[in-house]
Amino acid sequence: MKELRKEFPNVYYEERRGKKTLFTKNTFKKNDYRRWDSERSKLCAAILKGVSQIGIKEGNIVLYLGASSGTTPSHISDIVGKDGFLFAVEFSPIMAKDLVFLAEKRKNIAPILADANKPITYSKLVTQADVVYQDIAQKNQSEIFLKNCEMYLKPGGFGLLFVKARSVDVAKKPKEIFMQVRKELEKEVVIVDYRELEPYEKDHCVFVVKKK
C-alpha cells in the first residue's frame, strides 16, 4: 500500500493510475486502515464523486436511518471515533440481527429496530444528533428525512439524504425526482451539496444539507 492521503476526518485514499481507493482508520484496531468498497456504500460513492463535505467528524453523534447490515455504519463508526456515537435504525429484523453482532465489536454503535417513518417511537432511545444520515427505499424518503431532522438534528447540524429515485416513482425520470426532492428540502433546510452517484449507483443521488 502506498502512503495514504487524507480526504476527510479519518477517511484516507490511495490513488493509482488516476483511480482512488478509500480507507477509514480503524477506531478499534491500532494502525489499521479498512478498505471502503464503493459498490457497497453510497457514502463512499459520494466521496469518490467529489462531494465537498460529508458533515461527519470525530466525536459526532450520528442518527443513521436505514442501517441495513452495517457496512456503511461501520465506516462511520471509524470516522466519529471512540468519542463519537452512532444510533443505527433498521426496520428489518434480519438486518438488525447483523447490526447487533456489529455493535458487539464496535462499542460506539447502538442498533435500534424501528420504523424511521415514525421517529417518535425511538425518542427514548436516541439523543440529539450532530448528523442525520438516511439511506432507505421508501416512497416518501424526503418526508421521513425532514421529520427526523426536525426532531433530532441539532441546529446547524448536517444531514445526508441518499435518494433512490425508483423507490419514489418508477414512472418518472430520476432527474425529475431529484428536482422534486430538492424543492421539498429547500423549504426546511439549506442544501450544501448535491451529487448524482452514477456510475457507482444507478438512479441515486445524495443531498448534503444543514439545519437552519
N, C-alpha and C. Protein backbone atom coordinates (compact mmCIF):
# COMPACT_ATOMS: atom_id res chain seq x y z
N MET A 1 0.83 -1.19 0.00
CA MET A 1 0.00 0.00 0.00
C MET A 1 0.87 1.25 0.00
N LYS A 2 0.55 2.17 -0.89
CA LYS A 2 1.28 3.43 -0.92
C LYS A 2 0.90 4.27 0.31
N GLU A 3 1.63 5.38 0.49
CA GLU A 3 1.29 6.29 1.58
C GLU A 3 -0.11 6.86 1.34
N LEU A 4 -0.95 6.80 2.36
CA LEU A 4 -2.32 7.27 2.23
C LEU A 4 -2.41 8.77 2.46
N ARG A 5 -3.32 9.40 1.72
CA ARG A 5 -3.57 10.83 1.87
C ARG A 5 -4.93 11.05 2.51
N LYS A 6 -5.04 12.13 3.25
CA LYS A 6 -6.28 12.40 3.99
C LYS A 6 -7.31 13.06 3.09
N GLU A 7 -8.56 12.55 3.15
CA GLU A 7 -9.67 13.09 2.37
C GLU A 7 -10.63 13.87 3.27
N PHE A 8 -11.08 13.23 4.35
CA PHE A 8 -11.93 13.80 5.39
C PHE A 8 -11.44 13.25 6.72
N PRO A 9 -11.98 13.73 7.86
CA PRO A 9 -11.54 13.19 9.15
C PRO A 9 -11.64 11.66 9.19
N ASN A 10 -10.49 11.02 9.43
CA ASN A 10 -10.38 9.55 9.50
C ASN A 10 -10.74 8.84 8.20
N VAL A 11 -10.78 9.57 7.10
CA VAL A 11 -11.00 9.00 5.77
C VAL A 11 -9.77 9.30 4.91
N TYR A 12 -9.19 8.26 4.33
CA TYR A 12 -7.95 8.39 3.56
C TYR A 12 -8.11 7.75 2.18
N TYR A 13 -7.20 8.09 1.30
CA TYR A 13 -7.28 7.48 -0.03
C TYR A 13 -5.90 7.16 -0.58
N GLU A 14 -5.93 6.18 -1.47
CA GLU A 14 -4.75 5.78 -2.23
C GLU A 14 -5.12 5.98 -3.70
N GLU A 15 -4.20 6.55 -4.47
CA GLU A 15 -4.51 6.82 -5.88
C GLU A 15 -3.52 6.11 -6.78
N ARG A 16 -4.05 5.31 -7.69
CA ARG A 16 -3.23 4.60 -8.67
C ARG A 16 -3.84 4.78 -10.06
N ARG A 17 -3.03 5.26 -10.99
CA ARG A 17 -3.48 5.48 -12.35
C ARG A 17 -4.76 6.30 -12.41
N GLY A 18 -4.81 7.32 -11.57
CA GLY A 18 -5.95 8.22 -11.57
C GLY A 18 -7.19 7.70 -10.88
N LYS A 19 -7.13 6.51 -10.30
CA LYS A 19 -8.28 5.92 -9.63
C LYS A 19 -8.06 5.90 -8.12
N LYS A 20 -9.06 6.43 -7.40
CA LYS A 20 -8.96 6.49 -5.95
C LYS A 20 -9.58 5.26 -5.29
N THR A 21 -8.93 4.81 -4.22
CA THR A 21 -9.50 3.80 -3.34
C THR A 21 -9.53 4.40 -1.93
N LEU A 22 -10.68 4.33 -1.28
CA LEU A 22 -10.83 4.94 0.04
C LEU A 22 -10.61 3.93 1.17
N PHE A 23 -10.18 4.46 2.30
CA PHE A 23 -9.97 3.68 3.51
C PHE A 23 -10.45 4.51 4.71
N THR A 24 -10.91 3.85 5.76
CA THR A 24 -11.14 4.54 7.02
C THR A 24 -10.17 3.99 8.06
N LYS A 25 -9.76 4.87 8.95
CA LYS A 25 -8.84 4.47 10.01
C LYS A 25 -9.62 3.73 11.08
N ASN A 26 -9.26 2.49 11.31
CA ASN A 26 -9.99 1.62 12.22
C ASN A 26 -9.95 2.15 13.65
N THR A 27 -11.11 2.48 14.18
CA THR A 27 -11.21 3.01 15.54
C THR A 27 -10.81 1.99 16.59
N PHE A 28 -11.04 0.72 16.29
CA PHE A 28 -10.88 -0.32 17.31
C PHE A 28 -9.68 -1.23 17.08
N LYS A 29 -8.80 -0.85 16.15
CA LYS A 29 -7.58 -1.63 15.92
C LYS A 29 -6.47 -0.67 15.53
N LYS A 30 -5.42 -0.64 16.30
CA LYS A 30 -4.35 0.31 16.10
C LYS A 30 -3.61 0.07 14.78
N ASN A 31 -3.30 1.18 14.10
CA ASN A 31 -2.54 1.16 12.85
C ASN A 31 -3.18 0.28 11.77
N ASP A 32 -4.50 0.29 11.73
CA ASP A 32 -5.22 -0.50 10.74
C ASP A 32 -6.12 0.42 9.91
N TYR A 33 -6.10 0.23 8.61
CA TYR A 33 -6.94 1.01 7.70
C TYR A 33 -7.83 0.05 6.92
N ARG A 34 -9.13 0.29 6.97
CA ARG A 34 -10.11 -0.60 6.36
C ARG A 34 -10.52 -0.09 4.98
N ARG A 35 -10.37 -0.95 3.98
CA ARG A 35 -10.75 -0.57 2.62
C ARG A 35 -12.26 -0.34 2.55
N TRP A 36 -12.65 0.72 1.84
CA TRP A 36 -14.06 1.11 1.74
C TRP A 36 -14.53 0.82 0.33
N ASP A 37 -15.53 -0.03 0.19
CA ASP A 37 -16.00 -0.51 -1.11
C ASP A 37 -17.13 0.38 -1.63
N SER A 38 -16.90 1.06 -2.75
CA SER A 38 -17.89 1.98 -3.33
C SER A 38 -19.12 1.24 -3.85
N GLU A 39 -19.00 -0.05 -4.09
CA GLU A 39 -20.15 -0.83 -4.58
C GLU A 39 -21.07 -1.27 -3.45
N ARG A 40 -20.59 -1.09 -2.22
CA ARG A 40 -21.40 -1.49 -1.06
C ARG A 40 -21.74 -0.32 -0.15
N SER A 41 -21.30 0.88 -0.51
CA SER A 41 -21.53 2.04 0.34
C SER A 41 -21.76 3.29 -0.50
N LYS A 42 -22.93 3.88 -0.36
CA LYS A 42 -23.25 5.09 -1.12
C LYS A 42 -22.46 6.30 -0.62
N LEU A 43 -22.11 6.30 0.65
CA LEU A 43 -21.28 7.40 1.16
C LEU A 43 -19.90 7.37 0.52
N CYS A 44 -19.35 6.17 0.40
CA CYS A 44 -18.07 6.01 -0.29
C CYS A 44 -18.19 6.51 -1.73
N ALA A 45 -19.28 6.13 -2.41
CA ALA A 45 -19.51 6.58 -3.79
C ALA A 45 -19.62 8.10 -3.86
N ALA A 46 -20.29 8.71 -2.90
CA ALA A 46 -20.44 10.17 -2.88
C ALA A 46 -19.10 10.87 -2.75
N ILE A 47 -18.23 10.33 -1.91
CA ILE A 47 -16.90 10.92 -1.74
C ILE A 47 -16.10 10.80 -3.04
N LEU A 48 -16.18 9.64 -3.67
CA LEU A 48 -15.48 9.44 -4.94
C LEU A 48 -16.04 10.32 -6.05
N LYS A 49 -17.29 10.73 -5.91
CA LYS A 49 -17.91 11.64 -6.87
C LYS A 49 -17.58 13.10 -6.57
N GLY A 50 -16.79 13.33 -5.53
CA GLY A 50 -16.29 14.67 -5.26
C GLY A 50 -17.13 15.53 -4.35
N VAL A 51 -17.98 14.91 -3.51
CA VAL A 51 -18.79 15.71 -2.60
C VAL A 51 -17.88 16.59 -1.74
N SER A 52 -18.27 17.85 -1.58
CA SER A 52 -17.38 18.84 -0.94
C SER A 52 -17.22 18.61 0.55
N GLN A 53 -18.24 18.09 1.20
CA GLN A 53 -18.15 17.77 2.62
C GLN A 53 -19.19 16.72 2.97
N ILE A 54 -18.90 15.97 4.05
CA ILE A 54 -19.85 14.94 4.48
C ILE A 54 -20.48 15.30 5.83
N GLY A 55 -19.95 16.34 6.46
CA GLY A 55 -20.55 16.81 7.71
C GLY A 55 -20.31 15.93 8.91
N ILE A 56 -19.54 14.86 8.73
CA ILE A 56 -19.29 13.92 9.84
C ILE A 56 -17.84 14.03 10.27
N LYS A 57 -17.64 14.18 11.56
CA LYS A 57 -16.27 14.29 12.07
C LYS A 57 -16.14 13.59 13.42
N GLU A 58 -14.93 13.53 13.91
CA GLU A 58 -14.66 12.83 15.17
C GLU A 58 -15.47 13.43 16.31
N GLY A 59 -16.02 12.55 17.13
CA GLY A 59 -16.78 12.99 18.28
C GLY A 59 -18.25 13.25 18.01
N ASN A 60 -18.68 13.15 16.76
CA ASN A 60 -20.08 13.42 16.40
C ASN A 60 -21.03 12.32 16.88
N ILE A 61 -22.27 12.73 17.12
CA ILE A 61 -23.37 11.80 17.34
C ILE A 61 -24.13 11.73 16.01
N VAL A 62 -24.30 10.51 15.48
CA VAL A 62 -24.94 10.31 14.18
C VAL A 62 -26.19 9.45 14.35
N LEU A 63 -27.30 9.93 13.78
CA LEU A 63 -28.51 9.11 13.69
C LEU A 63 -28.57 8.58 12.27
N TYR A 64 -28.43 7.27 12.14
CA TYR A 64 -28.36 6.61 10.83
C TYR A 64 -29.68 5.88 10.59
N LEU A 65 -30.40 6.29 9.55
CA LEU A 65 -31.70 5.69 9.22
C LEU A 65 -31.54 4.78 8.01
N GLY A 66 -31.87 3.51 8.21
CA GLY A 66 -31.69 2.53 7.14
C GLY A 66 -30.32 1.89 7.19
N ALA A 67 -29.94 1.43 8.37
CA ALA A 67 -28.58 0.97 8.60
C ALA A 67 -28.25 -0.37 7.95
N SER A 68 -29.29 -1.12 7.54
CA SER A 68 -29.11 -2.41 6.88
C SER A 68 -28.23 -3.33 7.73
N SER A 69 -27.28 -4.03 7.09
CA SER A 69 -26.44 -4.97 7.85
C SER A 69 -25.22 -4.29 8.48
N GLY A 70 -25.01 -3.00 8.13
CA GLY A 70 -23.98 -2.25 8.85
C GLY A 70 -22.68 -1.95 8.13
N THR A 71 -22.64 -2.11 6.81
CA THR A 71 -21.38 -1.85 6.08
C THR A 71 -20.97 -0.39 6.21
N THR A 72 -21.83 0.54 5.78
CA THR A 72 -21.50 1.96 5.90
C THR A 72 -21.45 2.42 7.35
N PRO A 73 -22.40 1.99 8.22
CA PRO A 73 -22.29 2.37 9.63
C PRO A 73 -20.94 2.02 10.25
N SER A 74 -20.35 0.88 9.84
CA SER A 74 -19.06 0.50 10.42
C SER A 74 -17.97 1.51 10.05
N HIS A 75 -18.05 2.06 8.83
CA HIS A 75 -17.06 3.06 8.42
C HIS A 75 -17.34 4.41 9.09
N ILE A 76 -18.60 4.75 9.27
CA ILE A 76 -18.93 5.98 10.01
C ILE A 76 -18.49 5.84 11.46
N SER A 77 -18.57 4.62 11.99
CA SER A 77 -18.05 4.33 13.33
C SER A 77 -16.57 4.68 13.42
N ASP A 78 -15.82 4.40 12.35
CA ASP A 78 -14.41 4.77 12.30
C ASP A 78 -14.24 6.29 12.27
N ILE A 79 -15.08 6.96 11.49
CA ILE A 79 -14.95 8.41 11.32
C ILE A 79 -15.22 9.15 12.63
N VAL A 80 -16.27 8.78 13.35
CA VAL A 80 -16.61 9.50 14.59
C VAL A 80 -15.71 9.10 15.75
N GLY A 81 -15.08 7.92 15.66
CA GLY A 81 -14.13 7.50 16.67
C GLY A 81 -14.78 7.09 17.99
N LYS A 82 -13.93 6.81 18.96
CA LYS A 82 -14.40 6.32 20.26
C LYS A 82 -15.17 7.39 21.04
N ASP A 83 -14.95 8.65 20.72
CA ASP A 83 -15.66 9.73 21.41
C ASP A 83 -16.99 10.05 20.73
N GLY A 84 -17.23 9.46 19.56
CA GLY A 84 -18.49 9.66 18.86
C GLY A 84 -19.42 8.48 19.07
N PHE A 85 -20.63 8.59 18.50
CA PHE A 85 -21.60 7.51 18.68
C PHE A 85 -22.55 7.47 17.50
N LEU A 86 -23.02 6.26 17.19
CA LEU A 86 -23.90 6.05 16.05
C LEU A 86 -25.15 5.29 16.49
N PHE A 87 -26.31 5.92 16.34
CA PHE A 87 -27.58 5.25 16.55
C PHE A 87 -28.03 4.69 15.20
N ALA A 88 -28.08 3.37 15.07
CA ALA A 88 -28.33 2.72 13.79
C ALA A 88 -29.75 2.15 13.76
N VAL A 89 -30.65 2.84 13.05
CA VAL A 89 -32.05 2.44 12.97
C VAL A 89 -32.28 1.56 11.74
N GLU A 90 -32.89 0.42 11.96
CA GLU A 90 -33.18 -0.51 10.86
C GLU A 90 -34.55 -1.15 11.08
N PHE A 91 -35.34 -1.26 10.01
CA PHE A 91 -36.70 -1.78 10.09
C PHE A 91 -36.76 -3.30 9.99
N SER A 92 -35.81 -3.89 9.25
CA SER A 92 -35.82 -5.34 9.03
C SER A 92 -35.18 -6.08 10.20
N PRO A 93 -35.90 -7.01 10.83
CA PRO A 93 -35.34 -7.79 11.94
C PRO A 93 -34.11 -8.61 11.52
N ILE A 94 -34.12 -9.09 10.28
CA ILE A 94 -32.99 -9.89 9.79
C ILE A 94 -31.73 -9.04 9.72
N MET A 95 -31.85 -7.85 9.13
CA MET A 95 -30.70 -6.95 9.04
C MET A 95 -30.28 -6.45 10.42
N ALA A 96 -31.26 -6.19 11.27
CA ALA A 96 -30.97 -5.69 12.61
C ALA A 96 -30.16 -6.70 13.42
N LYS A 97 -30.37 -7.98 13.14
CA LYS A 97 -29.59 -9.01 13.82
C LYS A 97 -28.10 -8.86 13.50
N ASP A 98 -27.80 -8.57 12.22
CA ASP A 98 -26.40 -8.33 11.82
C ASP A 98 -25.83 -7.11 12.54
N LEU A 99 -26.68 -6.09 12.73
CA LEU A 99 -26.24 -4.87 13.42
C LEU A 99 -25.88 -5.17 14.87
N VAL A 100 -26.62 -6.07 15.48
CA VAL A 100 -26.33 -6.44 16.87
C VAL A 100 -24.93 -7.06 16.97
N PHE A 101 -24.62 -7.95 16.04
CA PHE A 101 -23.29 -8.57 16.03
C PHE A 101 -22.20 -7.51 15.79
N LEU A 102 -22.50 -6.56 14.90
CA LEU A 102 -21.54 -5.48 14.63
C LEU A 102 -21.31 -4.63 15.88
N ALA A 103 -22.40 -4.32 16.59
CA ALA A 103 -22.30 -3.48 17.77
C ALA A 103 -21.53 -4.15 18.91
N GLU A 104 -21.49 -5.47 18.91
CA GLU A 104 -20.71 -6.19 19.91
C GLU A 104 -19.22 -5.96 19.70
N LYS A 105 -18.83 -5.75 18.44
CA LYS A 105 -17.43 -5.49 18.11
C LYS A 105 -17.10 -4.00 18.17
N ARG A 106 -18.11 -3.18 17.85
CA ARG A 106 -17.91 -1.74 17.78
C ARG A 106 -18.80 -1.07 18.82
N LYS A 107 -18.19 -0.66 19.91
CA LYS A 107 -18.94 -0.20 21.07
C LYS A 107 -19.54 1.20 20.89
N ASN A 108 -19.27 1.84 19.76
CA ASN A 108 -19.87 3.16 19.53
C ASN A 108 -21.07 3.09 18.58
N ILE A 109 -21.65 1.89 18.44
CA ILE A 109 -22.85 1.70 17.63
C ILE A 109 -23.95 1.10 18.49
N ALA A 110 -25.16 1.68 18.41
CA ALA A 110 -26.33 1.13 19.09
C ALA A 110 -27.38 0.77 18.05
N PRO A 111 -27.66 -0.52 17.85
CA PRO A 111 -28.68 -0.93 16.88
C PRO A 111 -30.09 -0.69 17.44
N ILE A 112 -30.99 -0.19 16.59
CA ILE A 112 -32.37 0.08 17.00
C ILE A 112 -33.31 -0.49 15.95
N LEU A 113 -34.15 -1.43 16.36
CA LEU A 113 -35.16 -2.00 15.46
C LEU A 113 -36.38 -1.09 15.50
N ALA A 114 -36.59 -0.32 14.44
CA ALA A 114 -37.69 0.65 14.43
C ALA A 114 -37.98 1.11 13.01
N ASP A 115 -39.12 1.79 12.85
CA ASP A 115 -39.54 2.35 11.58
C ASP A 115 -39.16 3.82 11.53
N ALA A 116 -38.28 4.19 10.63
CA ALA A 116 -37.80 5.58 10.53
C ALA A 116 -38.92 6.55 10.18
N ASN A 117 -40.03 6.03 9.65
CA ASN A 117 -41.18 6.85 9.33
C ASN A 117 -41.95 7.29 10.58
N LYS A 118 -41.59 6.69 11.72
CA LYS A 118 -42.24 7.02 12.99
C LYS A 118 -41.17 7.38 14.02
N PRO A 119 -40.53 8.53 13.87
CA PRO A 119 -39.40 8.90 14.73
C PRO A 119 -39.74 8.99 16.22
N ILE A 120 -41.00 9.22 16.52
CA ILE A 120 -41.39 9.31 17.93
C ILE A 120 -41.18 7.98 18.66
N THR A 121 -41.21 6.87 17.92
CA THR A 121 -41.13 5.54 18.55
C THR A 121 -39.76 5.24 19.14
N TYR A 122 -38.72 5.97 18.71
CA TYR A 122 -37.40 5.73 19.31
C TYR A 122 -36.86 6.97 20.03
N SER A 123 -37.78 7.83 20.45
CA SER A 123 -37.38 9.07 21.12
C SER A 123 -36.69 8.82 22.46
N LYS A 124 -37.01 7.69 23.10
CA LYS A 124 -36.39 7.38 24.39
C LYS A 124 -35.07 6.61 24.24
N LEU A 125 -34.72 6.31 22.99
CA LEU A 125 -33.51 5.51 22.74
C LEU A 125 -32.37 6.32 22.15
N VAL A 126 -32.67 7.50 21.61
CA VAL A 126 -31.62 8.30 20.96
C VAL A 126 -31.54 9.69 21.58
N THR A 127 -30.43 10.36 21.31
CA THR A 127 -30.24 11.73 21.77
C THR A 127 -30.30 12.67 20.56
N GLN A 128 -30.16 13.94 20.82
CA GLN A 128 -30.00 14.90 19.72
C GLN A 128 -28.71 14.57 18.97
N ALA A 129 -28.74 14.74 17.66
CA ALA A 129 -27.62 14.30 16.83
C ALA A 129 -26.95 15.47 16.10
N ASP A 130 -25.66 15.30 15.86
CA ASP A 130 -24.91 16.27 15.04
C ASP A 130 -25.17 16.03 13.56
N VAL A 131 -25.51 14.77 13.23
CA VAL A 131 -25.72 14.37 11.84
C VAL A 131 -26.91 13.40 11.75
N VAL A 132 -27.78 13.63 10.78
CA VAL A 132 -28.81 12.65 10.42
C VAL A 132 -28.48 12.13 9.04
N TYR A 133 -28.35 10.83 8.93
CA TYR A 133 -27.96 10.16 7.69
C TYR A 133 -29.07 9.20 7.31
N GLN A 134 -29.55 9.30 6.06
CA GLN A 134 -30.65 8.42 5.65
C GLN A 134 -30.38 7.74 4.32
N ASP A 135 -30.61 6.42 4.31
CA ASP A 135 -30.50 5.62 3.10
C ASP A 135 -31.56 4.53 3.16
N ILE A 136 -32.79 4.88 2.75
CA ILE A 136 -33.89 3.92 2.82
C ILE A 136 -34.67 3.92 1.51
N ALA A 137 -35.33 2.81 1.24
CA ALA A 137 -36.11 2.67 -0.01
C ALA A 137 -37.59 2.85 0.30
N GLN A 138 -38.00 4.09 0.51
CA GLN A 138 -39.40 4.40 0.76
C GLN A 138 -39.88 5.45 -0.24
N LYS A 139 -41.15 5.46 -0.53
CA LYS A 139 -41.70 6.42 -1.47
C LYS A 139 -41.55 7.85 -0.95
N ASN A 140 -41.77 8.04 0.35
CA ASN A 140 -41.71 9.37 0.96
C ASN A 140 -40.38 9.62 1.66
N GLN A 141 -39.30 9.39 0.94
CA GLN A 141 -37.95 9.50 1.53
C GLN A 141 -37.67 10.88 2.12
N SER A 142 -38.00 11.93 1.37
CA SER A 142 -37.69 13.28 1.86
C SER A 142 -38.54 13.63 3.08
N GLU A 143 -39.78 13.18 3.11
CA GLU A 143 -40.65 13.44 4.26
C GLU A 143 -40.09 12.79 5.52
N ILE A 144 -39.67 11.54 5.40
CA ILE A 144 -39.09 10.82 6.55
C ILE A 144 -37.83 11.53 7.04
N PHE A 145 -36.99 11.91 6.10
CA PHE A 145 -35.74 12.60 6.43
C PHE A 145 -36.01 13.90 7.18
N LEU A 146 -36.93 14.71 6.67
CA LEU A 146 -37.20 16.02 7.29
C LEU A 146 -37.84 15.87 8.67
N LYS A 147 -38.69 14.84 8.84
CA LYS A 147 -39.29 14.60 10.17
C LYS A 147 -38.22 14.28 11.20
N ASN A 148 -37.26 13.45 10.81
CA ASN A 148 -36.19 13.09 11.73
C ASN A 148 -35.24 14.25 12.00
N CYS A 149 -34.98 15.05 10.97
CA CYS A 149 -34.13 16.23 11.16
C CYS A 149 -34.79 17.22 12.11
N GLU A 150 -36.09 17.41 11.94
CA GLU A 150 -36.81 18.34 12.81
C GLU A 150 -36.78 17.88 14.26
N MET A 151 -36.88 16.57 14.46
CA MET A 151 -36.99 16.03 15.81
C MET A 151 -35.63 15.83 16.48
N TYR A 152 -34.62 15.45 15.71
CA TYR A 152 -33.36 15.02 16.34
C TYR A 152 -32.11 15.80 15.95
N LEU A 153 -32.12 16.51 14.84
CA LEU A 153 -30.90 17.18 14.39
C LEU A 153 -30.70 18.50 15.12
N LYS A 154 -29.51 18.69 15.65
CA LYS A 154 -29.17 19.93 16.35
C LYS A 154 -29.17 21.10 15.37
N PRO A 155 -29.47 22.31 15.84
CA PRO A 155 -29.36 23.50 14.97
C PRO A 155 -27.94 23.62 14.41
N GLY A 156 -27.84 23.81 13.12
CA GLY A 156 -26.53 23.88 12.49
C GLY A 156 -25.95 22.54 12.15
N GLY A 157 -26.67 21.46 12.51
CA GLY A 157 -26.20 20.11 12.22
C GLY A 157 -26.35 19.75 10.75
N PHE A 158 -25.67 18.70 10.34
CA PHE A 158 -25.68 18.27 8.94
C PHE A 158 -26.60 17.07 8.72
N GLY A 159 -27.15 16.99 7.53
CA GLY A 159 -27.93 15.84 7.13
C GLY A 159 -27.46 15.32 5.79
N LEU A 160 -27.47 14.02 5.62
CA LEU A 160 -27.14 13.39 4.33
C LEU A 160 -28.32 12.52 3.91
N LEU A 161 -28.94 12.88 2.80
CA LEU A 161 -30.07 12.13 2.28
C LEU A 161 -29.69 11.48 0.96
N PHE A 162 -29.71 10.16 0.95
CA PHE A 162 -29.45 9.41 -0.28
C PHE A 162 -30.80 9.04 -0.89
N VAL A 163 -31.05 9.55 -2.07
CA VAL A 163 -32.35 9.38 -2.72
C VAL A 163 -32.30 8.24 -3.73
N LYS A 164 -33.24 7.31 -3.61
CA LYS A 164 -33.39 6.21 -4.56
C LYS A 164 -34.59 6.54 -5.44
N ALA A 165 -34.34 7.06 -6.63
CA ALA A 165 -35.39 7.58 -7.48
C ALA A 165 -36.47 6.55 -7.79
N ARG A 166 -36.08 5.33 -8.07
CA ARG A 166 -37.04 4.29 -8.45
C ARG A 166 -37.96 3.91 -7.30
N SER A 167 -37.57 4.17 -6.08
CA SER A 167 -38.43 3.89 -4.94
C SER A 167 -39.47 4.98 -4.74
N VAL A 168 -39.20 6.17 -5.28
CA VAL A 168 -40.14 7.29 -5.17
C VAL A 168 -41.22 7.17 -6.23
N ASP A 169 -40.81 7.03 -7.49
CA ASP A 169 -41.76 6.91 -8.60
C ASP A 169 -41.04 6.29 -9.80
N VAL A 170 -41.39 5.04 -10.10
CA VAL A 170 -40.70 4.32 -11.17
C VAL A 170 -41.04 4.88 -12.56
N ALA A 171 -42.13 5.63 -12.65
CA ALA A 171 -42.58 6.15 -13.95
C ALA A 171 -41.87 7.44 -14.35
N LYS A 172 -41.33 8.15 -13.36
CA LYS A 172 -40.69 9.43 -13.65
C LYS A 172 -39.19 9.25 -13.89
N LYS A 173 -38.60 10.19 -14.63
CA LYS A 173 -37.16 10.18 -14.83
C LYS A 173 -36.47 10.53 -13.51
N PRO A 174 -35.34 9.89 -13.21
CA PRO A 174 -34.63 10.18 -11.96
C PRO A 174 -34.35 11.66 -11.73
N LYS A 175 -33.95 12.37 -12.77
CA LYS A 175 -33.65 13.80 -12.60
C LYS A 175 -34.88 14.59 -12.17
N GLU A 176 -36.06 14.18 -12.61
CA GLU A 176 -37.30 14.83 -12.18
C GLU A 176 -37.54 14.58 -10.70
N ILE A 177 -37.26 13.36 -10.28
CA ILE A 177 -37.40 13.02 -8.85
C ILE A 177 -36.43 13.84 -8.02
N PHE A 178 -35.19 13.91 -8.47
CA PHE A 178 -34.17 14.66 -7.73
C PHE A 178 -34.56 16.13 -7.60
N MET A 179 -35.12 16.72 -8.64
CA MET A 179 -35.55 18.11 -8.60
C MET A 179 -36.73 18.28 -7.64
N GLN A 180 -37.63 17.32 -7.65
CA GLN A 180 -38.78 17.34 -6.74
C GLN A 180 -38.32 17.30 -5.29
N VAL A 181 -37.36 16.41 -5.00
CA VAL A 181 -36.83 16.30 -3.64
C VAL A 181 -36.12 17.59 -3.24
N ARG A 182 -35.36 18.16 -4.16
CA ARG A 182 -34.66 19.43 -3.87
C ARG A 182 -35.64 20.50 -3.41
N LYS A 183 -36.77 20.63 -4.11
CA LYS A 183 -37.77 21.65 -3.76
C LYS A 183 -38.36 21.39 -2.38
N GLU A 184 -38.56 20.11 -2.05
CA GLU A 184 -39.09 19.76 -0.74
C GLU A 184 -38.10 20.07 0.38
N LEU A 185 -36.83 19.81 0.12
CA LEU A 185 -35.79 20.06 1.12
C LEU A 185 -35.58 21.54 1.35
N GLU A 186 -35.59 22.31 0.27
CA GLU A 186 -35.27 23.74 0.37
C GLU A 186 -36.26 24.51 1.25
N LYS A 187 -37.43 23.95 1.46
CA LYS A 187 -38.41 24.61 2.33
C LYS A 187 -38.00 24.53 3.80
N GLU A 188 -37.17 23.54 4.14
CA GLU A 188 -36.86 23.28 5.54
C GLU A 188 -35.38 23.41 5.91
N VAL A 189 -34.49 23.11 4.97
CA VAL A 189 -33.05 23.08 5.28
C VAL A 189 -32.26 23.77 4.16
N VAL A 190 -30.99 24.01 4.44
CA VAL A 190 -30.09 24.60 3.44
C VAL A 190 -29.33 23.48 2.74
N ILE A 191 -29.38 23.44 1.42
CA ILE A 191 -28.65 22.43 0.67
C ILE A 191 -27.21 22.89 0.46
N VAL A 192 -26.29 22.09 0.97
CA VAL A 192 -24.86 22.42 0.92
C VAL A 192 -24.20 21.83 -0.32
N ASP A 193 -24.61 20.62 -0.69
CA ASP A 193 -24.02 19.96 -1.86
C ASP A 193 -25.01 18.92 -2.38
N TYR A 194 -24.80 18.55 -3.65
CA TYR A 194 -25.66 17.58 -4.32
C TYR A 194 -24.81 16.84 -5.35
N ARG A 195 -24.92 15.53 -5.36
CA ARG A 195 -24.18 14.73 -6.35
C ARG A 195 -25.03 13.56 -6.81
N GLU A 196 -25.02 13.30 -8.11
CA GLU A 196 -25.59 12.07 -8.62
C GLU A 196 -24.51 11.00 -8.53
N LEU A 197 -24.90 9.77 -8.25
CA LEU A 197 -23.93 8.74 -7.87
C LEU A 197 -23.54 7.76 -8.97
N GLU A 198 -24.02 7.96 -10.17
CA GLU A 198 -23.55 7.10 -11.27
C GLU A 198 -22.08 7.40 -11.54
N PRO A 199 -21.25 6.44 -11.91
CA PRO A 199 -21.59 5.06 -12.28
C PRO A 199 -21.65 4.09 -11.10
N TYR A 200 -21.43 4.59 -9.89
CA TYR A 200 -21.39 3.70 -8.73
C TYR A 200 -22.78 3.17 -8.36
N GLU A 201 -23.78 4.06 -8.41
CA GLU A 201 -25.15 3.68 -8.06
C GLU A 201 -26.09 4.30 -9.10
N LYS A 202 -26.81 3.48 -9.83
CA LYS A 202 -27.71 3.96 -10.86
C LYS A 202 -28.97 4.57 -10.23
N ASP A 203 -29.40 5.72 -10.76
CA ASP A 203 -30.64 6.39 -10.35
C ASP A 203 -30.64 6.78 -8.87
N HIS A 204 -29.46 7.10 -8.36
CA HIS A 204 -29.31 7.56 -6.98
C HIS A 204 -28.61 8.93 -6.95
N CYS A 205 -28.92 9.69 -5.91
CA CYS A 205 -28.18 10.94 -5.67
C CYS A 205 -28.05 11.14 -4.17
N VAL A 206 -27.24 12.12 -3.79
CA VAL A 206 -27.12 12.48 -2.39
C VAL A 206 -27.29 13.99 -2.25
N PHE A 207 -28.02 14.39 -1.22
CA PHE A 207 -28.10 15.79 -0.82
C PHE A 207 -27.41 15.92 0.53
N VAL A 208 -26.47 16.86 0.63
CA VAL A 208 -25.86 17.22 1.91
C VAL A 208 -26.52 18.52 2.33
N VAL A 209 -27.14 18.53 3.52
CA VAL A 209 -27.89 19.70 3.95
C VAL A 209 -27.44 20.15 5.35
N LYS A 210 -27.84 21.36 5.68
CA LYS A 210 -27.54 21.89 7.01
C LYS A 210 -28.82 22.47 7.60
N LYS A 211 -29.05 22.18 8.87
CA LYS A 211 -30.25 22.66 9.52
C LYS A 211 -30.12 24.15 9.81
N LYS A 212 -31.18 24.89 9.53
CA LYS A 212 -31.17 26.36 9.74
C LYS A 212 -31.13 26.69 11.22
